[in-house]
Amino acid sequence: MRASVVDLRYKMNEALKALDRREQVTLIRYGKVKGTIIPVKSGQWTSVVEHSFFNMAGAEPRTVQEQMNALREPRFNDI
């Protein structure tokens, strides 16, 4: 699918449907191609628990509140 910036503004639903059909959406501005929106490959999604950022302290015995207090402690000690 080819879409201008105005098309995306007013017809975003059509662009999303094209992505659901696994079609690429080519973005055009002033008649020139500016970029391509590529649909996500199936199976690329992971659970939040498996994400490295959210599970960086998976074996941490402290609660979230205790960890946040430990991170904020230096800031409060300067006051």
PDB file of N, CA and C in Angstrom:
ATOM      1  N   MET A   1       0.842  -1.161   0.000  1.00  0.00           N
ATOM      2  CA  MET A   1       0.000   0.000   0.000  1.00  0.00           C
ATOM      3  C   MET A   1       0.894   1.232   0.000  1.00  0.00           C
ATOM      4  N   ARG A   2       0.534   2.230  -0.769  1.00  0.00           N
ATOM      5  CA  ARG A   2       1.233   3.500  -0.784  1.00  0.00           C
ATOM      6  C   ARG A   2       0.339   4.535  -0.120  1.00  0.00           C
ATOM      7  N   ALA A   3       0.895   5.319   0.784  1.00  0.00           N
ATOM      8  CA  ALA A   3       0.091   6.290   1.515  1.00  0.00           C
ATOM      9  C   ALA A   3       0.895   7.569   1.733  1.00  0.00           C
ATOM     10  N   SER A   4       0.215   8.688   1.582  1.00  0.00           N
ATOM     11  CA  SER A   4       0.843   9.967   1.881  1.00  0.00           C
ATOM     12  C   SER A   4       0.651  10.264   3.364  1.00  0.00           C
ATOM     13  N   VAL A   5       1.286  11.330   3.814  1.00  0.00           N
ATOM     14  CA  VAL A   5       1.138  11.727   5.207  1.00  0.00           C
ATOM     15  C   VAL A   5      -0.321  12.070   5.503  1.00  0.00           C
ATOM     16  N   VAL A   6      -0.983  12.711   4.556  1.00  0.00           N
ATOM     17  CA  VAL A   6      -2.396  13.054   4.730  1.00  0.00           C
ATOM     18  C   VAL A   6      -3.243  11.785   4.796  1.00  0.00           C
ATOM     19  N   ASP A   7      -2.917  10.788   3.970  1.00  0.00           N
ATOM     20  CA  ASP A   7      -3.646   9.516   4.028  1.00  0.00           C
ATOM     21  C   ASP A   7      -3.519   8.880   5.410  1.00  0.00           C
ATOM     22  N   LEU A   8      -2.316   8.899   5.962  1.00  0.00           N
ATOM     23  CA  LEU A   8      -2.130   8.316   7.284  1.00  0.00           C
ATOM     24  C   LEU A   8      -2.902   9.091   8.342  1.00  0.00           C
ATOM     25  N   ARG A   9      -2.988  10.388   8.156  1.00  0.00           N
ATOM     26  CA  ARG A   9      -3.697  11.199   9.141  1.00  0.00           C
ATOM     27  C   ARG A   9      -5.193  10.913   9.140  1.00  0.00           C
ATOM     28  N   TYR A  10      -5.767  10.818   7.964  1.00  0.00           N
ATOM     29  CA  TYR A  10      -7.221  10.671   7.875  1.00  0.00           C
ATOM     30  C   TYR A  10      -7.684   9.234   7.657  1.00  0.00           C
ATOM     31  N   LYS A  11      -6.810   8.362   7.200  1.00  0.00           N
ATOM     32  CA  LYS A  11      -7.207   6.983   6.890  1.00  0.00           C
ATOM     33  C   LYS A  11      -6.273   5.975   7.549  1.00  0.00           C
ATOM     34  N   MET A  12      -5.904   6.242   8.785  1.00  0.00           N
ATOM     35  CA  MET A  12      -4.989   5.352   9.503  1.00  0.00           C
ATOM     36  C   MET A  12      -5.556   3.949   9.619  1.00  0.00           C
ATOM     37  N   ASN A  13      -6.876   3.825   9.741  1.00  0.00           N
ATOM     38  CA  ASN A  13      -7.505   2.517   9.864  1.00  0.00           C
ATOM     39  C   ASN A  13      -7.196   1.639   8.649  1.00  0.00           C
ATOM     40  N   GLU A  14      -7.192   2.233   7.462  1.00  0.00           N
ATOM     41  CA  GLU A  14      -6.872   1.462   6.253  1.00  0.00           C
ATOM     42  C   GLU A  14      -5.423   1.000   6.267  1.00  0.00           C
ATOM     43  N   ALA A  15      -4.535   1.842   6.732  1.00  0.00           N
ATOM     44  CA  ALA A  15      -3.127   1.455   6.824  1.00  0.00           C
ATOM     45  C   ALA A  15      -2.950   0.313   7.826  1.00  0.00           C
ATOM     46  N   LEU A  16      -3.648   0.379   8.944  1.00  0.00           N
ATOM     47  CA  LEU A  16      -3.563  -0.693   9.936  1.00  0.00           C
ATOM     48  C   LEU A  16      -4.131  -2.001   9.404  1.00  0.00           C
ATOM     49  N   LYS A  17      -5.195  -1.915   8.622  1.00  0.00           N
ATOM     50  CA  LYS A  17      -5.752  -3.123   8.009  1.00  0.00           C
ATOM     51  C   LYS A  17      -4.755  -3.725   7.023  1.00  0.00           C
ATOM     52  N   ALA A  18      -4.047  -2.879   6.282  1.00  0.00           N
ATOM     53  CA  ALA A  18      -3.027  -3.375   5.361  1.00  0.00           C
ATOM     54  C   ALA A  18      -1.919  -4.089   6.128  1.00  0.00           C
ATOM     55  N   LEU A  19      -1.518  -3.537   7.259  1.00  0.00           N
ATOM     56  CA  LEU A  19      -0.500  -4.196   8.083  1.00  0.00           C
ATOM     57  C   LEU A  19      -1.011  -5.520   8.632  1.00  0.00           C
ATOM     58  N   ASP A  20      -2.308  -5.587   8.972  1.00  0.00           N
ATOM     59  CA  ASP A  20      -2.894  -6.851   9.429  1.00  0.00           C
ATOM     60  C   ASP A  20      -2.864  -7.908   8.330  1.00  0.00           C
ATOM     61  N   ARG A  21      -2.944  -7.450   7.074  1.00  0.00           N
ATOM     62  CA  ARG A  21      -2.866  -8.374   5.939  1.00  0.00           C
ATOM     63  C   ARG A  21      -1.413  -8.675   5.562  1.00  0.00           C
ATOM     64  N   ARG A  22      -0.484  -8.214   6.387  1.00  0.00           N
ATOM     65  CA  ARG A  22       0.964  -8.418   6.180  1.00  0.00           C
ATOM     66  C   ARG A  22       1.485  -7.675   4.948  1.00  0.00           C
ATOM     67  N   GLU A  23       0.867  -6.546   4.618  1.00  0.00           N
ATOM     68  CA  GLU A  23       1.337  -5.707   3.522  1.00  0.00           C
ATOM     69  C   GLU A  23       2.233  -4.608   4.084  1.00  0.00           C
ATOM     70  N   GLN A  24       3.226  -4.206   3.318  1.00  0.00           N
ATOM     71  CA  GLN A  24       4.054  -3.079   3.695  1.00  0.00           C
ATOM     72  C   GLN A  24       3.336  -1.797   3.305  1.00  0.00           C
ATOM     73  N   VAL A  25       3.491  -0.754   4.122  1.00  0.00           N
ATOM     74  CA  VAL A  25       2.896   0.542   3.830  1.00  0.00           C
ATOM     75  C   VAL A  25       4.043   1.492   3.497  1.00  0.00           C
ATOM     76  N   THR A  26       4.057   1.984   2.268  1.00  0.00           N
ATOM     77  CA  THR A  26       5.102   2.898   1.819  1.00  0.00           C
ATOM     78  C   THR A  26       4.633   4.320   2.060  1.00  0.00           C
ATOM     79  N   LEU A  27       5.427   5.089   2.790  1.00  0.00           N
ATOM     80  CA  LEU A  27       5.085   6.458   3.139  1.00  0.00           C
ATOM     81  C   LEU A  27       5.662   7.412   2.103  1.00  0.00           C
ATOM     82  N   ILE A  28       4.804   8.262   1.553  1.00  0.00           N
ATOM     83  CA  ILE A  28       5.195   9.172   0.482  1.00  0.00           C
ATOM     84  C   ILE A  28       4.929  10.605   0.928  1.00  0.00           C
ATOM     85  N   ARG A  29       5.890  11.486   0.637  1.00  0.00           N
ATOM     86  CA  ARG A  29       5.710  12.911   0.909  1.00  0.00           C
ATOM     87  C   ARG A  29       6.235  13.689  -0.283  1.00  0.00           C
ATOM     88  N   TYR A  30       5.409  14.561  -0.817  1.00  0.00           N
ATOM     89  CA  TYR A  30       5.734  15.358  -2.008  1.00  0.00           C
ATOM     90  C   TYR A  30       6.161  14.471  -3.181  1.00  0.00           C
ATOM     91  N   GLY A  31       5.539  13.309  -3.298  1.00  0.00           N
ATOM     92  CA  GLY A  31       5.802  12.420  -4.414  1.00  0.00           C
ATOM     93  C   GLY A  31       7.042  11.560  -4.281  1.00  0.00           C
ATOM     94  N   LYS A  32       7.761  11.681  -3.185  1.00  0.00           N
ATOM     95  CA  LYS A  32       8.982  10.894  -2.977  1.00  0.00           C
ATOM     96  C   LYS A  32       8.787   9.942  -1.802  1.00  0.00           C
ATOM     97  N   VAL A  33       9.344   8.771  -1.942  1.00  0.00           N
ATOM     98  CA  VAL A  33       9.251   7.758  -0.883  1.00  0.00           C
ATOM     99  C   VAL A  33      10.119   8.197   0.287  1.00  0.00           C
ATOM    100  N   LYS A  34       9.507   8.256   1.469  1.00  0.00           N
ATOM    101  CA  LYS A  34      10.220   8.650   2.688  1.00  0.00           C
ATOM    102  C   LYS A  34      10.544   7.462   3.584  1.00  0.00           C
ATOM    103  N   GLY A  35       9.767   6.404   3.471  1.00  0.00           N
ATOM    104  CA  GLY A  35      10.017   5.248   4.319  1.00  0.00           C
ATOM    105  C   GLY A  35       8.972   4.172   4.111  1.00  0.00           C
ATOM    106  N   THR A  36       9.165   3.087   4.825  1.00  0.00           N
ATOM    107  CA  THR A  36       8.261   1.954   4.725  1.00  0.00           C
ATOM    108  C   THR A  36       7.925   1.458   6.126  1.00  0.00           C
ATOM    109  N   ILE A  37       6.651   1.217   6.353  1.00  0.00           N
ATOM    110  CA  ILE A  37       6.202   0.604   7.598  1.00  0.00           C
ATOM    111  C   ILE A  37       6.029  -0.878   7.316  1.00  0.00           C
ATOM    112  N   ILE A  38       6.770  -1.695   8.035  1.00  0.00           N
ATOM    113  CA  ILE A  38       6.784  -3.136   7.791  1.00  0.00           C
ATOM    114  C   ILE A  38       6.024  -3.829   8.915  1.00  0.00           C
ATOM    115  N   PRO A  39       5.124  -4.753   8.589  1.00  0.00           N
ATOM    116  CA  PRO A  39       4.383  -5.451   9.645  1.00  0.00           C
ATOM    117  C   PRO A  39       5.299  -6.334  10.486  1.00  0.00           C
ATOM    118  N   VAL A  40       4.930  -6.510  11.731  1.00  0.00           N
ATOM    119  CA  VAL A  40       5.695  -7.350  12.648  1.00  0.00           C
ATOM    120  C   VAL A  40       5.536  -8.799  12.229  1.00  0.00           C
ATOM    121  N   LYS A  41       6.637  -9.530  12.250  1.00  0.00           N
ATOM    122  CA  LYS A  41       6.573 -10.955  11.921  1.00  0.00           C
ATOM    123  C   LYS A  41       5.888 -11.694  13.059  1.00  0.00           C
ATOM    124  N   SER A  42       5.109 -12.693  12.711  1.00  0.00           N
ATOM    125  CA  SER A  42       4.427 -13.456  13.756  1.00  0.00           C
ATOM    126  C   SER A  42       5.461 -14.206  14.579  1.00  0.00           C
ATOM    127  N   GLY A  43       5.203 -14.301  15.866  1.00  0.00           N
ATOM    128  CA  GLY A  43       6.134 -14.979  16.770  1.00  0.00           C
ATOM    129  C   GLY A  43       7.214 -14.066  17.292  1.00  0.00           C
ATOM    130  N   GLN A  44       7.201 -12.806  16.895  1.00  0.00           N
ATOM    131  CA  GLN A  44       8.230 -11.883  17.340  1.00  0.00           C
ATOM    132  C   GLN A  44       7.888 -11.299  18.710  1.00  0.00           C
ATOM    133  N   TRP A  45       6.627 -11.371  19.107  1.00  0.00           N
ATOM    134  CA  TRP A  45       6.213 -10.843  20.390  1.00  0.00           C
ATOM    135  C   TRP A  45       6.663 -11.778  21.503  1.00  0.00           C
ATOM    136  N   THR A  46       7.087 -11.211  22.612  1.00  0.00           N
ATOM    137  CA  THR A  46       7.483 -12.001  23.772  1.00  0.00           C
ATOM    138  C   THR A  46       6.725 -11.502  24.988  1.00  0.00           C
ATOM    139  N   SER A  47       6.736 -12.290  25.998  1.00  0.00           N
ATOM    140  CA  SER A  47       6.093 -11.921  27.248  1.00  0.00           C
ATOM    141  C   SER A  47       6.914 -10.840  27.944  1.00  0.00           C
ATOM    142  N   VAL A  48       6.260 -10.006  28.720  1.00  0.00           N
ATOM    143  CA  VAL A  48       6.962  -8.957  29.457  1.00  0.00           C
ATOM    144  C   VAL A  48       7.952  -9.584  30.434  1.00  0.00           C
ATOM    145  N   VAL A  49       7.581 -10.689  31.018  1.00  0.00           N
ATOM    146  CA  VAL A  49       8.458 -11.355  31.978  1.00  0.00           C
ATOM    147  C   VAL A  49       9.751 -11.808  31.302  1.00  0.00           C
ATOM    148  N   GLU A  50       9.696 -12.169  30.028  1.00  0.00           N
ATOM    149  CA  GLU A  50      10.876 -12.639  29.309  1.00  0.00           C
ATOM    150  C   GLU A  50      11.756 -11.501  28.803  1.00  0.00           C
ATOM    151  N   HIS A  51      11.249 -10.265  28.824  1.00  0.00           N
ATOM    152  CA  HIS A  51      12.028  -9.137  28.331  1.00  0.00           C
ATOM    153  C   HIS A  51      13.185  -8.871  29.289  1.00  0.00           C
ATOM    154  N   SER A  52      14.371  -8.605  28.748  1.00  0.00           N
ATOM    155  CA  SER A  52      15.567  -8.465  29.583  1.00  0.00           C
ATOM    156  C   SER A  52      15.475  -7.286  30.540  1.00  0.00           C
ATOM    157  N   PHE A  53      14.848  -6.200  30.146  1.00  0.00           N
ATOM    158  CA  PHE A  53      14.756  -5.040  31.026  1.00  0.00           C
ATOM    159  C   PHE A  53      13.897  -5.328  32.247  1.00  0.00           C
ATOM    160  N   PHE A  54      12.740  -5.946  32.037  1.00  0.00           N
ATOM    161  CA  PHE A  54      11.828  -6.178  33.130  1.00  0.00           C
ATOM    162  C   PHE A  54      12.235  -7.343  34.011  1.00  0.00           C
ATOM    163  N   ASN A  55      13.114  -8.179  33.518  1.00  0.00           N
ATOM    164  CA  ASN A  55      13.518  -9.342  34.291  1.00  0.00           C
ATOM    165  C   ASN A  55      14.980  -9.232  34.705  1.00  0.00           C
ATOM    166  N   MET A  56      15.523  -8.016  34.741  1.00  0.00           N
ATOM    167  CA  MET A  56      16.945  -7.872  35.036  1.00  0.00           C
ATOM    168  C   MET A  56      17.273  -8.229  36.483  1.00  0.00           C
ATOM    169  N   ALA A  57      16.305  -8.173  37.353  1.00  0.00           N
ATOM    170  CA  ALA A  57      16.530  -8.542  38.748  1.00  0.00           C
ATOM    171  C   ALA A  57      15.612  -9.698  39.120  1.00  0.00           C
ATOM    172  N   GLY A  58      15.519 -10.686  38.252  1.00  0.00           N
ATOM    173  CA  GLY A  58      14.601 -11.797  38.468  1.00  0.00           C
ATOM    174  C   GLY A  58      14.874 -12.592  39.728  1.00  0.00           C
ATOM    175  N   ALA A  59      16.134 -12.706  40.119  1.00  0.00           N
ATOM    176  CA  ALA A  59      16.484 -13.487  41.300  1.00  0.00           C
ATOM    177  C   ALA A  59      16.617 -12.595  42.535  1.00  0.00           C
ATOM    178  N   GLU A  60      16.237 -11.330  42.407  1.00  0.00           N
ATOM    179  CA  GLU A  60      16.364 -10.381  43.507  1.00  0.00           C
ATOM    180  C   GLU A  60      15.366 -10.711  44.620  1.00  0.00           C
ATOM    181  N   PRO A  61      15.842 -10.894  45.851  1.00  0.00           N
ATOM    182  CA  PRO A  61      14.927 -11.240  46.941  1.00  0.00           C
ATOM    183  C   PRO A  61      14.152 -10.035  47.482  1.00  0.00           C
ATOM    184  N   ARG A  62      14.589  -8.799  47.153  1.00  0.00           N
ATOM    185  CA  ARG A  62      13.914  -7.608  47.677  1.00  0.00           C
ATOM    186  C   ARG A  62      12.626  -7.325  46.904  1.00  0.00           C
ATOM    187  N   THR A  63      11.716  -6.636  47.568  1.00  0.00           N
ATOM    188  CA  THR A  63      10.489  -6.218  46.907  1.00  0.00           C
ATOM    189  C   THR A  63      10.788  -5.045  45.988  1.00  0.00           C
ATOM    190  N   VAL A  64       9.847  -4.714  45.140  1.00  0.00           N
ATOM    191  CA  VAL A  64      10.015  -3.587  44.233  1.00  0.00           C
ATOM    192  C   VAL A  64      10.210  -2.299  45.028  1.00  0.00           C
ATOM    193  N   GLN A  65       9.428  -2.112  46.080  1.00  0.00           N
ATOM    194  CA  GLN A  65       9.552  -0.908  46.893  1.00  0.00           C
ATOM    195  C   GLN A  65      10.942  -0.804  47.522  1.00  0.00           C
ATOM    196  N   GLU A  66      11.474  -1.910  48.009  1.00  0.00           N
ATOM    197  CA  GLU A  66      12.810  -1.902  48.597  1.00  0.00           C
ATOM    198  C   GLU A  66      13.875  -1.581  47.554  1.00  0.00           C
ATOM    199  N   GLN A  67      13.725  -2.110  46.346  1.00  0.00           N
ATOM    200  CA  GLN A  67      14.672  -1.813  45.285  1.00  0.00           C
ATOM    201  C   GLN A  67      14.618  -0.342  44.896  1.00  0.00           C
ATOM    202  N   MET A  68      13.406   0.230  44.780  1.00  0.00           N
ATOM    203  CA  MET A  68      13.263   1.632  44.428  1.00  0.00           C
ATOM    204  C   MET A  68      13.848   2.531  45.516  1.00  0.00           C
ATOM    205  N   ASN A  69      13.639   2.176  46.775  1.00  0.00           N
ATOM    206  CA  ASN A  69      14.222   2.957  47.867  1.00  0.00           C
ATOM    207  C   ASN A  69      15.742   2.908  47.823  1.00  0.00           C
ATOM    208  N   ALA A  70      16.311   1.759  47.480  1.00  0.00           N
ATOM    209  CA  ALA A  70      17.765   1.639  47.375  1.00  0.00           C
ATOM    210  C   ALA A  70      18.305   2.488  46.214  1.00  0.00           C
ATOM    211  N   LEU A  71      17.551   2.558  45.122  1.00  0.00           N
ATOM    212  CA  LEU A  71      17.976   3.389  43.995  1.00  0.00           C
ATOM    213  C   LEU A  71      17.876   4.875  44.326  1.00  0.00           C
ATOM    214  N   ARG A  72      16.878   5.259  45.091  1.00  0.00           N
ATOM    215  CA  ARG A  72      16.650   6.669  45.414  1.00  0.00           C
ATOM    216  C   ARG A  72      17.466   7.149  46.618  1.00  0.00           C
ATOM    217  N   GLU A  73      18.027   6.253  47.386  1.00  0.00           N
ATOM    218  CA  GLU A  73      18.699   6.602  48.625  1.00  0.00           C
ATOM    219  C   GLU A  73      19.779   7.668  48.454  1.00  0.00           C
ATOM    220  N   PRO A  74      20.676   7.554  47.472  1.00  0.00           N
ATOM    221  CA  PRO A  74      21.711   8.595  47.339  1.00  0.00           C
ATOM    222  C   PRO A  74      21.117   9.987  47.124  1.00  0.00           C
ATOM    223  N   ARG A  75      20.034  10.071  46.425  1.00  0.00           N
ATOM    224  CA  ARG A  75      19.411  11.363  46.168  1.00  0.00           C
ATOM    225  C   ARG A  75      18.872  11.969  47.460  1.00  0.00           C
ATOM    226  N   PHE A  76      18.290  11.136  48.320  1.00  0.00           N
ATOM    227  CA  PHE A  76      17.725  11.629  49.565  1.00  0.00           C
ATOM    228  C   PHE A  76      18.822  11.927  50.595  1.00  0.00           C
ATOM    229  N   ASN A  77      19.972  11.273  50.505  1.00  0.00           N
ATOM    230  CA  ASN A  77      21.064  11.526  51.446  1.00  0.00           C
ATOM    231  C   ASN A  77      21.709  12.874  51.195  1.00  0.00           C
ATOM    232  N   ASP A  78      21.589  13.421  49.991  1.00  0.00           N
ATOM    233  CA  ASP A  78      22.203  14.707  49.676  1.00  0.00           C
ATOM    234  C   ASP A  78      21.418  15.888  50.227  1.00  0.00           C
ATOM    235  N   ILE A  79      20.201  15.631  50.666  1.00  0.00           N
ATOM    236  CA  ILE A  79      19.352  16.740  51.149  1.00  0.00           C
ATOM    237  C   ILE A  79      19.721  17.126  52.565  1.00  0.00           C
TER     238      ILE A  79
END
